[in-house]
Amino acid sequence: MAQISIAELLSEKESGLDLELLAGGRGLDRLVQVPRIQKPGLALAGYTKNLHPDRIQVLGSTELTYLEEIFADDPVRAEQNLRELCALEICCFIITKGQPAPQSLLDEVERRGIPLLRSHHISSTFISLITQYLEERLLPQTTVHAVLVDVLGVGVLLTGKSGIGKSECALDLVLRGHRLVADDVVKVRFKFPAVLFGQGSDLLHYHMEIRGLGIINIKHLFGVAAIRERKKIDLVIELAEWQDGAEYDRLGLEERHYELLGVKLPLLTIPVRPGRNITGIVEVAARNQLLKEMGYHSAAEFEARLEQRMAEAAHLHAQSIIGSNLE
């Protein structure tokens, strides 16, 4: 499972979190494993049943004001609530809006070795930044040997054995005005709730290998409109060698899936042989996927019409044999 230490989080500069350490430096080796955060308002009131200590606890103006008020009204109960909260071995607290930390909180986290950090961002902005950063670092990811293209807004992942023609098909799609995301190595990341995004590796970005031609740079050849940094994967198309006698889906009613990082994606298998316009088929498949996402299934509609026509023909045939009194 992916994880990140509080020390790494504190040293992060590129994501704009702007964090500083206030107390609890002994706990900088504590780990964050969940890309979600929590605001412990109820826990400060003594209700800790649904608190998740493995999540970063964000303290905004509301939480700090409430903590100040309960210490003024009932310092004994407030101290007890704070001790019970910190006894849960929280991975870390982060104060937003650059607010000063209450002394009671500073003392307790220092005693427990729980890192207490602070950011100048308001709560909503910080939560957005930290969630995006943690999702990039902690959510499942993998790499696949494939080509990812953006065809009419549909993220099409082209798979198949090496040399089958994935890159050539992608190049032809670029020539038709579509966009390349990644060639050969596609980095796939999972995002909530069940979405997969693909992007190219840092080394191969914008580059494509065409056998007989070599390595080409799509961005330099065709401009920035021909590439994308990353794209949601909507459809997987497997390019396979044509096998005489093999059964291929001819109606489009067979629903097959390609599972990746626990997400099931629609899967089509296109047999490849000389004379077949694979690029045109991929483009039509992307258009058809758009229709399916809008609730229109061409093959299913054709099957329904065919069954209706067959039922009507059977009824007319029965009438001609039995007579018009058939019920």
Protein backbone atom coordinates (compact mmCIF):
# COMPACT_ATOMS: atom_id res chain seq x y z
CA MET A 1 0.00 0.00 0.00
CA ALA A 2 1.27 3.48 -0.90
CA GLN A 3 2.14 5.73 2.01
CA ILE A 4 3.81 9.02 2.78
CA SER A 5 5.45 10.22 5.98
CA ILE A 6 4.63 13.51 7.68
CA ALA A 7 8.26 14.53 7.13
CA GLU A 8 7.76 14.14 3.36
CA LEU A 9 4.52 16.08 3.56
CA LEU A 10 6.25 18.88 5.46
CA SER A 11 9.06 19.11 2.91
CA GLU A 12 6.69 19.18 -0.10
CA LYS A 13 7.09 22.49 -1.94
CA GLU A 14 5.69 22.06 -5.45
CA SER A 15 2.05 21.43 -4.47
CA GLY A 16 1.69 24.78 -2.67
CA LEU A 17 0.66 23.34 0.71
CA ASP A 18 2.88 25.85 2.55
CA LEU A 19 3.28 23.80 5.74
CA GLU A 20 5.28 24.60 8.86
CA LEU A 21 5.86 22.51 11.97
CA LEU A 22 4.51 23.89 15.26
CA ALA A 23 4.95 20.94 17.61
CA GLY A 24 5.27 17.17 17.80
CA GLY A 25 8.49 16.84 15.84
CA ARG A 26 9.11 13.37 17.33
CA GLY A 27 6.25 12.03 15.22
CA LEU A 28 7.41 13.13 11.78
CA ASP A 29 7.92 9.49 10.84
CA ARG A 30 4.18 8.81 11.19
CA LEU A 31 2.57 7.66 7.97
CA VAL A 32 -0.44 8.79 5.94
CA GLN A 33 -2.04 5.97 3.94
CA VAL A 34 -5.48 7.39 3.16
CA PRO A 35 -6.04 10.22 0.64
CA ARG A 36 -8.95 11.63 2.63
CA ILE A 37 -8.96 14.20 5.39
CA GLN A 38 -11.22 14.73 8.39
CA LYS A 39 -12.32 17.70 10.51
CA PRO A 40 -12.53 16.53 14.14
CA GLY A 41 -15.29 18.84 15.35
CA LEU A 42 -17.32 16.12 17.10
CA ALA A 43 -14.15 14.57 18.53
CA LEU A 44 -13.37 17.84 20.30
CA ALA A 45 -16.80 17.55 21.89
CA GLY A 46 -15.94 14.07 23.16
CA TYR A 47 -17.45 11.88 20.43
CA THR A 48 -14.58 9.95 18.88
CA LYS A 49 -16.43 6.84 17.67
CA ASN A 50 -16.25 7.69 13.96
CA LEU A 51 -12.88 9.40 13.99
CA HIS A 52 -10.24 7.92 11.66
CA PRO A 53 -6.77 8.39 13.16
CA ASP A 54 -5.10 7.36 9.89
CA ARG A 55 -6.48 10.49 8.21
CA ILE A 56 -5.04 13.98 8.43
CA GLN A 57 -7.11 16.02 10.88
CA VAL A 58 -7.73 19.59 9.69
CA LEU A 59 -8.44 22.29 12.29
CA GLY A 60 -10.09 25.39 10.86
CA SER A 61 -11.57 28.49 12.49
CA THR A 62 -14.68 26.62 13.65
CA GLU A 63 -12.72 23.89 15.45
CA LEU A 64 -10.27 26.26 17.12
CA THR A 65 -13.02 28.66 18.22
CA TYR A 66 -15.00 25.77 19.69
CA LEU A 67 -11.91 24.45 21.48
CA GLU A 68 -11.33 27.89 22.98
CA GLU A 69 -14.95 28.15 24.15
CA ILE A 70 -15.13 24.75 25.83
CA PHE A 71 -11.86 25.46 27.64
CA ALA A 72 -13.41 28.70 28.92
CA ASP A 73 -16.68 27.00 29.99
CA ASP A 74 -15.42 23.67 31.33
CA PRO A 75 -11.63 23.32 31.24
CA VAL A 76 -11.68 19.89 32.92
CA ARG A 77 -13.99 18.35 30.30
CA ALA A 78 -12.15 20.13 27.48
CA GLU A 79 -8.82 18.77 28.70
CA GLN A 80 -10.26 15.27 28.93
CA ASN A 81 -11.71 15.46 25.40
CA LEU A 82 -8.38 16.63 24.03
CA ARG A 83 -6.50 13.83 25.79
CA GLU A 84 -8.93 11.20 24.48
CA LEU A 85 -8.59 12.58 20.95
CA CYS A 86 -4.79 12.54 20.98
CA ALA A 87 -4.73 9.10 22.60
CA LEU A 88 -6.06 7.71 19.30
CA GLU A 89 -2.58 8.16 17.78
CA ILE A 90 -3.62 10.67 15.14
CA CYS A 91 -1.20 10.76 12.20
CA CYS A 92 -1.13 14.58 12.33
CA PHE A 93 -3.11 17.79 12.87
CA ILE A 94 -2.99 20.70 10.44
CA ILE A 95 -4.20 24.18 11.35
CA THR A 96 -5.41 26.34 8.46
CA LYS A 97 -5.62 30.09 7.82
CA GLY A 98 -2.34 30.70 9.66
CA GLN A 99 -4.12 30.72 13.02
CA PRO A 100 -2.20 30.44 16.30
CA ALA A 101 -2.39 27.07 18.01
CA PRO A 102 -3.96 26.89 21.50
CA GLN A 103 -1.39 26.18 24.17
CA SER A 104 -3.38 23.19 25.42
CA LEU A 105 -3.17 21.60 21.98
CA LEU A 106 0.53 22.36 21.66
CA ASP A 107 1.25 20.72 25.01
CA GLU A 108 -0.79 17.59 24.31
CA VAL A 109 0.59 16.89 20.82
CA GLU A 110 4.13 17.48 22.06
CA ARG A 111 3.56 15.01 24.88
CA ARG A 112 2.11 12.42 22.51
CA GLY A 113 4.55 13.03 19.66
CA ILE A 114 1.78 13.94 17.19
CA PRO A 115 2.93 16.40 14.50
CA LEU A 116 1.04 19.69 14.52
CA LEU A 117 1.43 21.62 11.25
CA ARG A 118 0.07 24.93 10.00
CA SER A 119 -0.79 26.39 6.59
CA HIS A 120 -1.76 29.94 5.64
CA HIS A 121 -4.49 28.69 3.25
CA ILE A 122 -8.14 28.87 4.28
CA SER A 123 -9.71 25.48 5.03
CA SER A 124 -11.54 24.98 1.73
CA THR A 125 -8.46 25.82 -0.35
CA PHE A 126 -6.14 23.70 1.77
CA ILE A 127 -8.48 20.70 1.75
CA SER A 128 -8.62 20.88 -2.04
CA LEU A 129 -4.82 21.09 -2.32
CA ILE A 130 -4.04 18.34 0.19
CA THR A 131 -6.67 15.98 -1.26
CA GLN A 132 -5.31 16.41 -4.77
CA TYR A 133 -1.76 15.86 -3.55
CA LEU A 134 -2.63 12.76 -1.52
CA GLU A 135 -4.64 11.26 -4.37
CA GLU A 136 -1.65 11.65 -6.66
CA ARG A 137 0.65 9.98 -4.11
CA LEU A 138 -1.55 7.37 -2.43
CA LEU A 139 -4.21 6.07 -4.80
CA PRO A 140 -3.43 2.83 -6.70
CA GLN A 141 -1.50 3.11 -9.94
CA THR A 142 0.10 0.84 -12.49
CA THR A 143 1.68 0.86 -15.95
CA VAL A 144 0.44 -1.01 -19.01
CA HIS A 145 2.02 -1.71 -22.39
CA ALA A 146 -0.48 0.07 -24.61
CA VAL A 147 -1.27 3.29 -26.46
CA LEU A 148 -3.74 5.86 -25.17
CA VAL A 149 -5.47 8.29 -27.53
CA ASP A 150 -8.23 10.86 -27.17
CA VAL A 151 -10.73 10.16 -29.93
CA LEU A 152 -13.62 12.65 -29.99
CA GLY A 153 -13.33 13.04 -26.22
CA VAL A 154 -13.30 9.28 -25.61
CA GLY A 155 -10.17 7.91 -23.97
CA VAL A 156 -9.30 4.81 -26.03
CA LEU A 157 -6.67 2.42 -24.70
CA LEU A 158 -5.21 0.35 -27.55
CA THR A 159 -3.76 -2.97 -26.40
CA GLY A 160 -2.30 -5.98 -28.21
CA LYS A 161 0.96 -7.80 -28.60
CA SER A 162 4.09 -5.96 -29.68
CA GLY A 163 4.19 -5.18 -33.42
CA ILE A 164 0.45 -5.57 -33.98
CA GLY A 165 0.15 -1.93 -35.13
CA LYS A 166 -0.95 0.06 -32.06
CA SER A 167 1.41 2.97 -32.67
CA GLU A 168 0.64 3.09 -36.41
CA CYS A 169 -3.08 3.20 -35.63
CA ALA A 170 -2.50 6.01 -33.11
CA LEU A 171 -0.43 7.96 -35.64
CA ASP A 172 -3.21 7.65 -38.21
CA LEU A 173 -5.69 8.91 -35.60
CA VAL A 174 -3.45 11.93 -34.95
CA LEU A 175 -3.41 12.61 -38.70
CA ARG A 176 -7.22 12.60 -38.57
CA GLY A 177 -7.17 15.31 -35.88
CA HIS A 178 -7.31 13.24 -32.71
CA ARG A 179 -4.86 13.50 -29.82
CA LEU A 180 -2.10 11.27 -28.47
CA VAL A 181 -1.83 10.83 -24.71
CA ALA A 182 0.81 8.11 -24.39
CA ASP A 183 2.60 5.56 -26.57
CA ASP A 184 4.09 2.23 -25.51
CA VAL A 185 3.99 2.85 -21.72
CA VAL A 186 0.80 4.22 -20.15
CA LYS A 187 0.79 5.19 -16.48
CA VAL A 188 -2.68 4.51 -15.10
CA ARG A 189 -3.96 6.09 -11.89
CA PHE A 190 -7.14 5.27 -9.99
CA LYS A 191 -9.34 8.16 -8.86
CA PHE A 192 -12.51 8.13 -6.78
CA PRO A 193 -15.12 6.87 -7.15
CA ALA A 194 -14.11 4.40 -9.90
CA VAL A 195 -12.30 6.29 -12.64
CA LEU A 196 -8.99 5.55 -14.36
CA PHE A 197 -6.75 8.24 -15.82
CA GLY A 198 -3.84 7.52 -18.13
CA GLN A 199 -0.77 9.57 -18.96
CA GLY A 200 2.63 9.07 -20.54
CA SER A 201 5.88 8.36 -18.74
CA ASP A 202 8.23 11.27 -18.10
CA LEU A 203 10.83 9.85 -20.49
CA LEU A 204 8.55 8.99 -23.42
CA HIS A 205 6.19 11.96 -23.23
CA TYR A 206 5.00 13.13 -26.69
CA HIS A 207 7.23 10.53 -28.37
CA MET A 208 6.15 7.60 -30.52
CA GLU A 209 8.04 4.66 -32.01
CA ILE A 210 7.18 3.76 -35.60
CA ARG A 211 9.00 0.70 -36.90
CA GLY A 212 11.04 1.60 -39.98
CA LEU A 213 10.84 5.30 -39.12
CA GLY A 214 12.15 5.43 -35.56
CA ILE A 215 11.27 7.75 -32.70
CA ILE A 216 9.17 10.79 -33.59
CA ASN A 217 7.96 13.70 -31.48
CA ILE A 218 4.23 14.20 -32.01
CA LYS A 219 4.21 17.59 -30.29
CA HIS A 220 6.95 18.98 -32.56
CA LEU A 221 5.52 17.45 -35.73
CA PHE A 222 1.84 18.29 -35.27
CA GLY A 223 1.72 20.95 -32.53
CA VAL A 224 0.26 21.08 -29.04
CA ALA A 225 -3.27 20.42 -30.35
CA ALA A 226 -2.19 16.86 -31.19
CA ILE A 227 -1.28 15.82 -27.64
CA ARG A 228 -2.84 15.64 -24.17
CA GLU A 229 -1.17 15.40 -20.78
CA ARG A 230 -3.64 12.84 -19.44
CA LYS A 231 -7.07 11.43 -20.22
CA LYS A 232 -9.80 9.43 -18.55
CA ILE A 233 -9.89 5.89 -19.98
CA ASP A 234 -13.36 5.09 -21.34
CA LEU A 235 -12.82 2.19 -23.71
CA VAL A 236 -10.25 -0.57 -24.26
CA ILE A 237 -9.68 -1.91 -27.78
CA GLU A 238 -7.56 -5.01 -28.22
CA LEU A 239 -5.89 -5.41 -31.61
CA ALA A 240 -5.48 -9.11 -32.40
CA GLU A 241 -4.22 -11.02 -35.40
CA TRP A 242 -6.98 -12.36 -37.63
CA GLN A 243 -7.48 -16.08 -37.08
CA ASP A 244 -9.33 -18.04 -39.76
CA GLY A 245 -12.20 -19.94 -38.19
CA ALA A 246 -12.22 -17.82 -35.02
CA GLU A 247 -15.54 -16.45 -33.78
CA TYR A 248 -15.76 -12.66 -33.66
CA ASP A 249 -18.62 -10.53 -32.38
CA ARG A 250 -20.66 -9.51 -35.42
CA LEU A 251 -23.69 -7.93 -33.74
CA GLY A 252 -22.14 -5.92 -30.91
CA LEU A 253 -24.38 -7.49 -28.26
CA GLU A 254 -21.59 -9.21 -26.35
CA GLU A 255 -20.60 -7.16 -23.31
CA ARG A 256 -16.96 -7.84 -22.43
CA HIS A 257 -14.78 -6.02 -19.91
CA TYR A 258 -11.12 -5.31 -19.25
CA GLU A 259 -10.37 -5.06 -15.52
CA LEU A 260 -7.65 -2.68 -14.40
CA LEU A 261 -7.03 -1.59 -10.79
CA GLY A 262 -10.40 -3.05 -9.87
CA VAL A 263 -12.29 -1.01 -12.47
CA LYS A 264 -14.12 -2.77 -15.32
CA LEU A 265 -13.80 -1.01 -18.68
CA PRO A 266 -15.70 -1.84 -21.90
CA LEU A 267 -13.55 -4.10 -24.09
CA LEU A 268 -13.66 -4.63 -27.85
CA THR A 269 -11.45 -6.99 -29.83
CA ILE A 270 -10.67 -5.94 -33.41
CA PRO A 271 -9.05 -8.57 -35.64
CA VAL A 272 -6.26 -7.13 -37.78
CA ARG A 273 -5.40 -8.26 -41.30
CA PRO A 274 -4.31 -6.54 -44.52
CA GLY A 275 -7.07 -4.49 -46.12
CA ARG A 276 -8.95 -3.65 -42.93
CA ASN A 277 -9.14 0.05 -42.06
CA ILE A 278 -8.34 -0.31 -38.35
CA THR A 279 -8.17 3.44 -37.74
CA GLY A 280 -11.65 3.96 -39.14
CA ILE A 281 -12.99 1.11 -37.02
CA VAL A 282 -11.42 2.59 -33.86
CA GLU A 283 -12.91 5.99 -34.65
CA VAL A 284 -16.38 4.49 -35.17
CA ALA A 285 -15.99 2.49 -31.95
CA ALA A 286 -15.32 5.75 -30.08
CA ARG A 287 -18.41 7.35 -31.62
CA ASN A 288 -20.48 4.30 -30.71
CA GLN A 289 -19.18 4.47 -27.12
CA LEU A 290 -20.36 8.07 -26.93
CA LEU A 291 -23.84 6.94 -27.99
CA LYS A 292 -23.83 4.16 -25.37
CA GLU A 293 -22.92 6.64 -22.64
CA MET A 294 -25.90 8.73 -23.75
CA GLY A 295 -28.16 5.68 -23.39
CA TYR A 296 -28.40 4.67 -27.06
CA HIS A 297 -27.28 1.12 -27.93
CA SER A 298 -27.44 0.50 -31.69
CA ALA A 299 -27.04 -3.29 -31.51
CA ALA A 300 -29.62 -3.66 -28.75
CA GLU A 301 -32.09 -1.49 -30.68
CA PHE A 302 -31.54 -3.57 -33.82
CA GLU A 303 -32.10 -6.79 -31.86
CA ALA A 304 -35.35 -5.43 -30.40
CA ARG A 305 -36.61 -4.41 -33.84
CA LEU A 306 -35.64 -7.79 -35.28
CA GLU A 307 -37.45 -9.67 -32.53
CA GLN A 308 -40.54 -7.48 -33.02
CA ARG A 309 -40.49 -8.11 -36.78
CA MET A 310 -40.12 -11.87 -36.24
CA ALA A 311 -43.00 -11.88 -33.77
CA GLU A 312 -45.22 -9.98 -36.24
CA ALA A 313 -44.29 -12.39 -39.04
CA ALA A 314 -45.05 -15.39 -36.86
CA HIS A 315 -48.43 -13.93 -35.92
CA LEU A 316 -49.33 -13.28 -39.56
CA HIS A 317 -48.26 -16.79 -40.51
CA ALA A 318 -50.40 -18.28 -37.75
CA GLN A 319 -53.39 -16.19 -38.87
CA SER A 320 -53.03 -17.45 -42.44
CA ILE A 321 -53.13 -21.06 -41.21
CA ILE A 322 -55.69 -20.96 -38.38
CA GLY A 323 -57.76 -18.02 -39.47
CA SER A 324 -58.55 -14.54 -38.35
CA ASN A 325 -60.19 -15.74 -35.13
CA LEU A 326 -56.80 -16.53 -33.63
CA GLU A 327 -56.47 -14.89 -30.22
